[in-house]
Each structure stands twice: as structure tokens, then as C-alpha cells.
N, C-alpha and C. Protein backbone atom coordinates (compact mmCIF):
# COMPACT_ATOMS: atom_id res chain seq x y z
N MET A 1 179.37 -42.61 154.24
CA MET A 1 178.14 -41.93 154.62
C MET A 1 176.96 -42.84 154.28
N ALA A 2 176.05 -42.94 155.21
CA ALA A 2 174.88 -43.79 154.99
C ALA A 2 173.93 -43.14 154.00
N LYS A 3 173.27 -43.98 153.23
CA LYS A 3 172.29 -43.47 152.28
C LYS A 3 170.92 -43.57 152.91
N HIS A 4 170.12 -42.58 152.70
CA HIS A 4 168.78 -42.54 153.26
C HIS A 4 167.76 -42.61 152.14
N ALA A 5 166.91 -43.62 152.19
CA ALA A 5 165.89 -43.79 151.16
C ALA A 5 164.98 -42.57 151.07
N GLU A 6 164.73 -41.93 152.24
CA GLU A 6 163.85 -40.77 152.25
C GLU A 6 164.40 -39.65 151.37
N VAL A 7 165.69 -39.45 151.41
CA VAL A 7 166.32 -38.40 150.61
C VAL A 7 166.20 -38.74 149.12
N GLY A 8 166.47 -40.00 148.80
CA GLY A 8 166.35 -40.44 147.40
C GLY A 8 164.96 -40.24 146.85
N HIS A 9 163.95 -40.59 147.65
CA HIS A 9 162.56 -40.42 147.21
C HIS A 9 162.20 -38.94 147.05
N PHE A 10 162.73 -38.13 147.94
CA PHE A 10 162.48 -36.69 147.86
C PHE A 10 163.06 -36.12 146.57
N ILE A 11 164.31 -36.51 146.25
CA ILE A 11 164.96 -36.04 145.02
C ILE A 11 164.19 -36.53 143.79
N GLN A 12 163.80 -37.80 143.79
CA GLN A 12 163.03 -38.35 142.67
C GLN A 12 161.77 -37.55 142.44
N GLY A 13 161.02 -37.32 143.49
CA GLY A 13 159.76 -36.59 143.36
C GLY A 13 159.95 -35.17 142.87
N LEU A 14 160.95 -34.50 143.43
CA LEU A 14 161.22 -33.11 143.05
C LEU A 14 161.58 -32.99 141.57
N ILE A 15 162.55 -33.78 141.13
CA ILE A 15 163.02 -33.68 139.74
C ILE A 15 161.93 -34.14 138.77
N ARG A 16 161.25 -35.23 139.08
CA ARG A 16 160.18 -35.71 138.18
C ARG A 16 159.05 -34.69 138.06
N THR A 17 158.68 -34.09 139.17
CA THR A 17 157.60 -33.09 139.15
C THR A 17 157.99 -31.90 138.29
N GLU A 18 159.18 -31.38 138.50
CA GLU A 18 159.62 -30.20 137.75
C GLU A 18 159.85 -30.52 136.28
N LYS A 19 160.35 -31.71 135.99
CA LYS A 19 160.53 -32.16 134.60
C LYS A 19 159.18 -32.21 133.90
N ALA A 20 158.18 -32.78 134.55
CA ALA A 20 156.84 -32.89 133.96
C ALA A 20 156.19 -31.51 133.84
N ARG A 21 156.36 -30.68 134.84
CA ARG A 21 155.76 -29.34 134.82
C ARG A 21 156.25 -28.54 133.62
N ARG A 22 157.51 -28.74 133.27
CA ARG A 22 158.09 -28.01 132.15
C ARG A 22 158.01 -28.77 130.83
N LYS A 23 157.40 -29.96 130.88
CA LYS A 23 157.22 -30.81 129.69
C LYS A 23 158.56 -31.08 129.00
N LEU A 24 159.57 -31.45 129.81
CA LEU A 24 160.89 -31.75 129.30
C LEU A 24 161.12 -33.25 129.25
N THR A 25 161.95 -33.66 128.32
CA THR A 25 162.39 -35.05 128.26
C THR A 25 163.79 -35.12 128.87
N PHE A 26 164.28 -36.34 129.09
CA PHE A 26 165.65 -36.48 129.57
C PHE A 26 166.64 -35.98 128.52
N GLU A 27 166.30 -36.11 127.26
CA GLU A 27 167.16 -35.57 126.19
C GLU A 27 167.23 -34.05 126.31
N ASP A 28 166.11 -33.39 126.56
CA ASP A 28 166.10 -31.93 126.74
C ASP A 28 167.01 -31.53 127.89
N ILE A 29 166.90 -32.26 129.00
CA ILE A 29 167.70 -31.94 130.19
C ILE A 29 169.18 -32.17 129.90
N ALA A 30 169.51 -33.28 129.22
CA ALA A 30 170.90 -33.57 128.88
C ALA A 30 171.47 -32.46 128.01
N GLN A 31 170.69 -31.96 127.06
CA GLN A 31 171.15 -30.86 126.20
C GLN A 31 171.39 -29.59 127.01
N ARG A 32 170.50 -29.30 127.93
CA ARG A 32 170.67 -28.11 128.77
C ARG A 32 171.92 -28.23 129.64
N LEU A 33 172.17 -29.43 130.18
CA LEU A 33 173.37 -29.64 130.99
C LEU A 33 174.64 -29.45 130.17
N ARG A 34 174.62 -29.89 128.91
CA ARG A 34 175.78 -29.76 128.03
C ARG A 34 176.19 -28.31 127.85
N GLN A 35 175.23 -27.40 127.90
CA GLN A 35 175.54 -25.97 127.78
C GLN A 35 176.47 -25.51 128.90
N TYR A 36 176.48 -26.22 130.01
CA TYR A 36 177.32 -25.89 131.16
C TYR A 36 178.52 -26.83 131.27
N GLY A 37 178.76 -27.63 130.22
CA GLY A 37 179.89 -28.54 130.22
C GLY A 37 179.68 -29.82 131.01
N ILE A 38 178.44 -30.13 131.30
CA ILE A 38 178.11 -31.35 132.05
C ILE A 38 177.54 -32.35 131.05
N HIS A 39 178.25 -33.45 130.88
CA HIS A 39 177.86 -34.44 129.87
C HIS A 39 177.24 -35.66 130.54
N GLN A 40 175.93 -35.75 130.43
CA GLN A 40 175.15 -36.88 130.94
C GLN A 40 174.25 -37.33 129.81
N THR A 41 174.20 -38.63 129.59
CA THR A 41 173.27 -39.13 128.58
C THR A 41 171.88 -39.18 129.18
N PRO A 42 170.85 -39.16 128.36
CA PRO A 42 169.50 -39.31 128.90
C PRO A 42 169.35 -40.60 129.72
N SER A 43 170.02 -41.66 129.27
CA SER A 43 169.97 -42.93 130.00
C SER A 43 170.62 -42.81 131.38
N ASN A 44 171.76 -42.13 131.46
CA ASN A 44 172.43 -41.92 132.75
C ASN A 44 171.53 -41.12 133.69
N LEU A 45 170.92 -40.08 133.18
CA LEU A 45 170.04 -39.26 134.01
C LEU A 45 168.85 -40.08 134.52
N ARG A 46 168.28 -40.86 133.64
CA ARG A 46 167.14 -41.71 134.00
C ARG A 46 167.53 -42.69 135.12
N THR A 47 168.71 -43.29 134.98
CA THR A 47 169.18 -44.26 135.98
C THR A 47 169.44 -43.59 137.32
N LYS A 48 170.13 -42.45 137.29
CA LYS A 48 170.43 -41.75 138.53
C LYS A 48 169.16 -41.28 139.23
N LEU A 49 168.22 -40.80 138.46
CA LEU A 49 166.96 -40.38 139.05
C LEU A 49 166.18 -41.58 139.59
N GLY A 50 166.23 -42.69 138.87
CA GLY A 50 165.54 -43.89 139.32
C GLY A 50 166.07 -44.38 140.66
N ARG A 51 167.38 -44.23 140.86
CA ARG A 51 167.98 -44.60 142.14
C ARG A 51 167.78 -43.52 143.18
N GLY A 52 167.55 -42.29 142.72
CA GLY A 52 167.47 -41.17 143.65
C GLY A 52 168.82 -40.86 144.26
N ASP A 53 169.88 -41.22 143.53
CA ASP A 53 171.23 -41.11 144.06
C ASP A 53 172.11 -40.40 143.03
N MET A 54 172.53 -39.19 143.35
CA MET A 54 173.39 -38.44 142.45
C MET A 54 174.25 -37.51 143.29
N SER A 55 175.28 -36.99 142.68
CA SER A 55 176.15 -36.07 143.40
C SER A 55 175.41 -34.77 143.67
N ALA A 56 175.90 -34.07 144.66
CA ALA A 56 175.33 -32.75 144.96
C ALA A 56 175.55 -31.81 143.78
N GLN A 57 176.68 -31.97 143.10
CA GLN A 57 176.97 -31.13 141.93
C GLN A 57 175.93 -31.33 140.84
N LEU A 58 175.60 -32.59 140.56
CA LEU A 58 174.60 -32.86 139.53
C LEU A 58 173.23 -32.37 139.98
N PHE A 59 172.90 -32.58 141.24
CA PHE A 59 171.61 -32.12 141.75
C PHE A 59 171.47 -30.60 141.57
N LEU A 60 172.50 -29.85 141.94
CA LEU A 60 172.44 -28.40 141.79
C LEU A 60 172.39 -27.98 140.33
N ALA A 61 173.12 -28.69 139.47
CA ALA A 61 173.06 -28.39 138.03
C ALA A 61 171.66 -28.66 137.50
N LEU A 62 171.02 -29.74 137.95
CA LEU A 62 169.64 -30.03 137.53
C LEU A 62 168.70 -28.93 138.00
N MET A 63 168.90 -28.46 139.22
CA MET A 63 168.06 -27.35 139.70
C MET A 63 168.22 -26.13 138.79
N LYS A 64 169.45 -25.88 138.37
CA LYS A 64 169.71 -24.72 137.50
C LYS A 64 169.02 -24.88 136.15
N VAL A 65 169.18 -26.04 135.50
CA VAL A 65 168.60 -26.21 134.17
C VAL A 65 167.08 -26.35 134.23
N LEU A 66 166.54 -26.76 135.38
CA LEU A 66 165.08 -26.82 135.53
C LEU A 66 164.52 -25.49 136.04
N GLU A 67 165.43 -24.52 136.22
CA GLU A 67 165.08 -23.17 136.64
C GLU A 67 164.39 -23.13 138.00
N LEU A 68 164.87 -23.98 138.92
CA LEU A 68 164.36 -23.97 140.29
C LEU A 68 165.19 -22.98 141.10
N ARG A 69 164.53 -22.09 141.78
CA ARG A 69 165.24 -21.09 142.58
C ARG A 69 165.38 -21.51 144.02
N SER A 70 164.52 -22.40 144.47
CA SER A 70 164.59 -22.85 145.86
C SER A 70 163.93 -24.22 145.98
N VAL A 71 164.20 -24.86 147.09
CA VAL A 71 163.61 -26.16 147.38
C VAL A 71 163.03 -26.10 148.78
N ARG A 72 161.80 -26.52 148.92
CA ARG A 72 161.15 -26.56 150.24
C ARG A 72 161.43 -27.91 150.86
N LEU A 73 162.06 -27.90 152.00
CA LEU A 73 162.46 -29.13 152.66
C LEU A 73 161.44 -29.66 153.67
N GLU A 74 160.31 -28.98 153.78
CA GLU A 74 159.29 -29.43 154.74
C GLU A 74 158.82 -30.85 154.44
N GLY A 75 158.81 -31.23 153.16
CA GLY A 75 158.35 -32.56 152.78
C GLY A 75 159.38 -33.66 153.00
N LEU A 76 160.59 -33.29 153.35
CA LEU A 76 161.65 -34.27 153.56
C LEU A 76 161.64 -34.73 155.01
N GLU A 77 161.36 -35.99 155.21
CA GLU A 77 161.31 -36.57 156.55
C GLU A 77 162.53 -37.47 156.74
N LEU A 78 163.38 -37.13 157.67
CA LEU A 78 164.53 -37.96 158.00
C LEU A 78 164.31 -38.59 159.37
N ARG A 79 164.67 -39.84 159.47
CA ARG A 79 164.56 -40.53 160.76
C ARG A 79 165.96 -40.71 161.34
N ALA A 80 166.06 -40.52 162.63
CA ALA A 80 167.33 -40.74 163.31
C ALA A 80 167.66 -42.22 163.27
N VAL A 81 168.94 -42.51 163.10
CA VAL A 81 169.42 -43.88 163.08
C VAL A 81 170.19 -44.12 164.36
N ARG A 82 169.83 -45.19 165.04
CA ARG A 82 170.51 -45.50 166.30
C ARG A 82 171.22 -46.82 166.16
N GLY A 83 172.26 -46.95 166.84
CA GLY A 83 173.02 -48.19 166.79
C GLY A 83 174.49 -47.93 167.00
N LYS A 84 175.25 -48.97 166.80
CA LYS A 84 176.70 -48.86 166.99
C LYS A 84 177.32 -48.04 165.88
N ARG A 85 178.31 -47.27 166.26
CA ARG A 85 179.08 -46.53 165.26
C ARG A 85 180.17 -47.43 164.75
N ARG A 86 180.42 -47.33 163.47
CA ARG A 86 181.49 -48.13 162.87
C ARG A 86 182.85 -47.54 163.22
N LYS A 87 183.82 -48.42 163.41
CA LYS A 87 185.18 -47.97 163.62
C LYS A 87 185.81 -47.63 162.30
N ARG A 88 186.65 -46.63 162.28
CA ARG A 88 187.33 -46.24 161.05
C ARG A 88 188.74 -46.73 161.04
């Protein structure tokens, strides 16, 4: 599956905004995730957020611990990619 920079930037902005709004550190978030059996170090979280690349499972867990009930996708702009399809 191709990676889209737009999606990564959207995730980065969303998580950083909500983290700052709640005045949480990566250590706080890591501790909250541990309550659900998800073990991520603050450094791992920082790296994944910096790349804007994480599993859907981790993204949903972050939404839960940041107490987000919904995400508005209007700000997410995806561009169609044209070109040859790869053979499998």
C-alpha cells in the first residue's frame, strides 16, 4: 500500500494538537496506553508521530486515551495518483 504524506501530516497535526490541548507528555500518553495493555515507550511514540506513520490499532488507541470521540476529515486532502499499476 502506498503511503501518503498528506495522511501522515494530518495524523501528526491531530495528535499533537490534542496532546497539547490536554497538556500531556509522551510519558503521560504511554502510561495511559499501558492501562489497555499497549506498551509503547515515549520515544517510540515520538518517533511514530514524527513520521506520521503508525498502525490503525495504535491510532485508535491514541484517540481513546486522548478522549477523542470523532475526527473531522474535512481537513484531509488526498490527491489521486495516476500511473502504471504494479504487477503482483
